[in-house]
Amino acid sequence: MATAKKPMQRRGFRINEFIVYPAHGVGQITAIEEQEVAGHSLELFVIDFAQDKLTLRVPVAKIDAAGMRKLAQSETVEKALKTVQGRARVKRTMWSRRAQEYEAKINSGDLISISEVVRDLFRSENQPEQSYSERQLYEAALDRMSREISSVNKISATEAIALIEKNLAKGPRRGPKPEEADAQEKAA
C-alpha cells in the first residue's frame, strides 16, 4: 500500500497550529490523517489537548459544525479583558437556569462569552462565598479564558490568570456598599 504525502494544511488550519475547540478549549493540531471508516476514506484533524491529556480526531468536513476556530486576535483578547472589568450582570432567575446559560457560554468557545461568565461569577474577598457549583463554573471559565489568552499573548497560564485577575480588580467595587453592609449587619 502506497502512503500518500501527508497534507500540511486543510481548510485554513495547519499542523502545529493552536486552535479553539468549543467543548475542550485550546488545543494543537498535531497531524492530518486519513482513516478508513465503514468503507469510506475520512480525513481527520488530530488535535492534542496537553493539559487535559486528551487527543481528539475531528473529521475535516465537520469542523464548521463543531465550531472549531483559530485563536482570537489580540483585539478580541483586549475586549475580553475589558469585559471582565465591567459590572456583573446577574439575572434574577433560578440558579439552575443561570448555571445552564453559563455552561452554554463556556462551551460556545467564544472568548467574549467566556469572559462574561468570569465577570459574573467572580467574587472578591469582601463578597459572600460562592456555592460549589458557582465555583466550578467560575474555575472552568477562568481556565478556558486563561488558556486562550496565554496562547495568543505567548505567556504562561499562570501569567494569563494574573492578567485576568488584575483586570477583574479594576472593575467596579464588588459587594455591597458600606451603607448597605451596615444596614445588613443591623438587620441580622
Protein backbone atom coordinates (compact mmCIF):
# COMPACT_ATOMS: atom_id res chain seq x y z
CA MET A 1 0.00 0.00 0.00
CA ALA A 2 1.49 3.34 -1.06
CA THR A 3 1.36 6.05 1.56
CA ALA A 4 0.10 9.37 0.27
CA LYS A 5 2.06 12.53 1.04
CA LYS A 6 0.71 13.87 4.31
CA PRO A 7 -1.13 17.20 3.90
CA MET A 8 0.21 20.10 5.95
CA GLN A 9 -2.92 22.25 5.74
CA ARG A 10 -6.67 21.79 5.34
CA ARG A 11 -9.45 24.40 5.29
CA GLY A 12 -7.10 27.10 6.56
CA PHE A 13 -5.78 25.06 9.50
CA ARG A 14 -2.15 23.91 9.60
CA ILE A 15 -0.27 21.22 11.51
CA ASN A 16 1.23 22.56 14.79
CA GLU A 17 -1.28 25.44 14.84
CA PHE A 18 -3.15 26.17 18.09
CA ILE A 19 -6.94 26.26 17.70
CA VAL A 20 -10.04 26.56 19.89
CA TYR A 21 -12.41 23.60 20.02
CA PRO A 22 -15.53 24.82 21.89
CA ALA A 23 -16.11 21.75 24.05
CA HIS A 24 -12.46 21.45 25.16
CA GLY A 25 -10.78 24.85 24.77
CA VAL A 26 -7.33 25.43 23.28
CA GLY A 27 -5.65 22.52 21.52
CA GLN A 28 -2.89 21.96 18.97
CA ILE A 29 -3.32 20.27 15.60
CA THR A 30 -0.61 17.60 15.61
CA ALA A 31 -1.48 15.82 12.34
CA ILE A 32 -3.94 15.45 9.49
CA GLU A 33 -4.67 11.75 8.98
CA GLU A 34 -6.65 9.63 6.61
CA GLN A 35 -8.60 6.74 8.10
CA GLU A 36 -10.86 4.10 6.64
CA VAL A 37 -14.24 4.18 8.43
CA ALA A 38 -17.08 1.89 7.31
CA GLY A 39 -15.58 1.59 3.85
CA HIS A 40 -15.17 5.35 3.42
CA SER A 41 -11.90 7.25 3.47
CA LEU A 42 -12.10 10.02 6.04
CA GLU A 43 -9.67 12.91 6.55
CA LEU A 44 -9.21 13.83 10.22
CA PHE A 45 -7.54 16.58 12.21
CA VAL A 46 -5.66 15.12 15.18
CA ILE A 47 -5.91 17.67 17.98
CA ASP A 48 -3.92 17.38 21.19
CA PHE A 49 -5.14 18.99 24.42
CA ALA A 50 -1.96 18.62 26.51
CA GLN A 51 -3.37 20.00 29.79
CA ASP A 52 -6.28 17.53 29.68
CA LYS A 53 -4.14 14.65 28.33
CA LEU A 54 -6.71 14.31 25.55
CA THR A 55 -6.34 13.63 21.84
CA LEU A 56 -9.32 14.30 19.60
CA ARG A 57 -9.83 13.26 15.98
CA VAL A 58 -12.22 15.55 14.14
CA PRO A 59 -13.32 14.92 10.54
CA VAL A 60 -12.19 17.82 8.34
CA ALA A 61 -15.75 18.05 6.94
CA LYS A 62 -17.20 18.53 10.47
CA ILE A 63 -15.04 21.37 11.79
CA ASP A 64 -17.61 24.06 10.97
CA ALA A 65 -20.41 22.14 12.68
CA ALA A 66 -18.15 21.53 15.69
CA GLY A 67 -17.32 25.24 15.90
CA MET A 68 -13.55 24.80 15.68
CA ARG A 69 -11.84 28.15 15.13
CA LYS A 70 -8.47 29.86 15.09
CA LEU A 71 -7.19 31.58 18.24
CA ALA A 72 -8.67 35.01 18.94
CA GLN A 73 -6.93 38.13 17.64
CA SER A 74 -5.16 40.46 20.10
CA GLU A 75 -8.06 42.95 19.79
CA THR A 76 -10.53 40.26 20.92
CA VAL A 77 -8.31 39.44 23.91
CA GLU A 78 -8.26 43.14 24.86
CA LYS A 79 -12.06 43.28 24.52
CA ALA A 80 -12.39 40.18 26.75
CA LEU A 81 -10.15 41.78 29.39
CA LYS A 82 -12.28 44.96 29.22
CA THR A 83 -15.41 42.80 29.61
CA VAL A 84 -14.21 41.37 32.95
CA GLN A 85 -13.76 44.93 34.23
CA GLY A 86 -17.47 45.61 33.80
CA ARG A 87 -20.25 45.33 36.34
CA ALA A 88 -21.52 41.80 36.91
CA ARG A 89 -24.84 41.19 35.18
CA VAL A 90 -26.65 38.55 37.16
CA LYS A 91 -30.20 37.73 36.10
CA ARG A 92 -32.80 37.20 38.77
CA THR A 93 -33.69 33.71 37.57
CA MET A 94 -33.29 30.39 39.34
CA TRP A 95 -29.70 29.24 39.76
CA SER A 96 -30.27 26.08 37.68
CA ARG A 97 -31.33 28.18 34.67
CA ARG A 98 -28.41 30.61 35.11
CA ALA A 99 -25.98 27.68 35.51
CA GLN A 100 -27.21 26.23 32.20
CA GLU A 101 -26.68 29.61 30.49
CA TYR A 102 -23.18 29.93 31.95
CA GLU A 103 -22.34 26.37 30.85
CA ALA A 104 -23.58 27.14 27.33
CA LYS A 105 -21.43 30.30 27.19
CA ILE A 106 -18.34 28.37 28.35
CA ASN A 107 -18.92 25.61 25.78
CA SER A 108 -19.61 28.11 22.99
CA GLY A 109 -15.87 28.64 22.71
CA ASP A 110 -16.46 32.40 22.26
CA LEU A 111 -13.85 34.30 24.28
CA ILE A 112 -16.15 37.27 24.98
CA SER A 113 -18.96 34.98 26.25
CA ILE A 114 -16.48 33.14 28.47
CA SER A 115 -15.18 36.46 29.85
CA GLU A 116 -18.79 37.41 30.72
CA VAL A 117 -19.07 34.24 32.83
CA VAL A 118 -15.77 35.06 34.58
CA ARG A 119 -17.02 38.61 35.27
CA ASP A 120 -20.45 37.49 36.51
CA LEU A 121 -19.17 34.71 38.80
CA PHE A 122 -16.08 36.49 40.20
CA ARG A 123 -16.15 37.05 43.96
CA SER A 124 -13.74 39.37 45.78
CA GLU A 125 -12.73 38.89 49.42
CA ASN A 126 -15.46 41.27 50.69
CA GLN A 127 -18.24 39.31 48.99
CA PRO A 128 -20.14 36.27 50.25
CA GLU A 129 -18.77 32.80 49.49
CA GLN A 130 -19.76 31.06 46.27
CA SER A 131 -21.64 27.79 46.20
CA TYR A 132 -19.72 24.75 44.99
CA SER A 133 -21.40 24.79 41.56
CA GLU A 134 -20.76 28.55 41.13
CA ARG A 135 -17.10 27.99 41.97
CA GLN A 136 -16.86 25.07 39.50
CA LEU A 137 -18.31 27.17 36.65
CA TYR A 138 -16.08 30.13 37.54
CA GLU A 139 -12.97 27.91 37.55
CA ALA A 140 -13.95 26.33 34.20
CA ALA A 141 -14.50 29.73 32.57
CA LEU A 142 -11.28 31.16 34.05
CA ASP A 143 -9.35 28.11 32.81
CA ARG A 144 -10.72 28.40 29.25
CA MET A 145 -10.11 32.15 29.14
CA SER A 146 -6.57 31.90 30.56
CA ARG A 147 -5.57 29.12 28.13
CA GLU A 148 -6.60 31.16 25.11
CA ILE A 149 -5.00 34.37 26.41
CA SER A 150 -1.77 32.52 27.24
CA SER A 151 -1.66 31.07 23.70
CA VAL A 152 -2.44 34.39 21.99
CA ASN A 153 -0.10 36.51 24.15
CA LYS A 154 2.55 33.75 24.34
CA ILE A 155 2.68 33.84 28.15
CA SER A 156 2.29 31.09 30.76
CA ALA A 157 -1.16 30.09 32.03
CA THR A 158 -0.22 31.48 35.46
CA GLU A 159 0.66 34.86 33.91
CA ALA A 160 -2.63 34.80 31.97
CA ILE A 161 -4.62 34.17 35.17
CA ALA A 162 -2.74 37.01 36.91
CA LEU A 163 -3.59 39.30 33.95
CA ILE A 164 -7.30 38.36 34.15
CA GLU A 165 -7.38 38.85 37.94
CA LYS A 166 -5.66 42.23 37.58
CA ASN A 167 -8.41 43.28 35.15
CA LEU A 168 -11.13 41.88 37.44
CA ALA A 169 -9.72 44.06 40.24
CA LYS A 170 -10.12 47.15 38.00
CA GLY A 171 -13.87 46.53 37.85
CA PRO A 172 -16.47 48.34 39.95
CA ARG A 173 -16.33 47.66 43.67
CA ARG A 174 -17.61 44.17 44.26
CA GLY A 175 -20.03 43.54 47.10
CA PRO A 176 -22.47 45.79 48.95
CA LYS A 177 -21.72 49.48 49.51
CA PRO A 178 -20.58 50.32 53.09
CA GLU A 179 -24.02 51.75 53.99
CA GLU A 180 -25.74 48.60 52.72
CA ALA A 181 -23.29 46.40 54.66
CA ASP A 182 -24.03 48.36 57.84
CA ALA A 183 -27.78 48.04 57.24
CA GLN A 184 -27.42 44.29 56.64
CA GLU A 185 -25.41 43.88 59.88
CA LYS A 186 -28.03 45.83 61.88
CA ALA A 187 -30.84 43.75 60.36
CA ALA A 188 -29.12 40.47 61.32
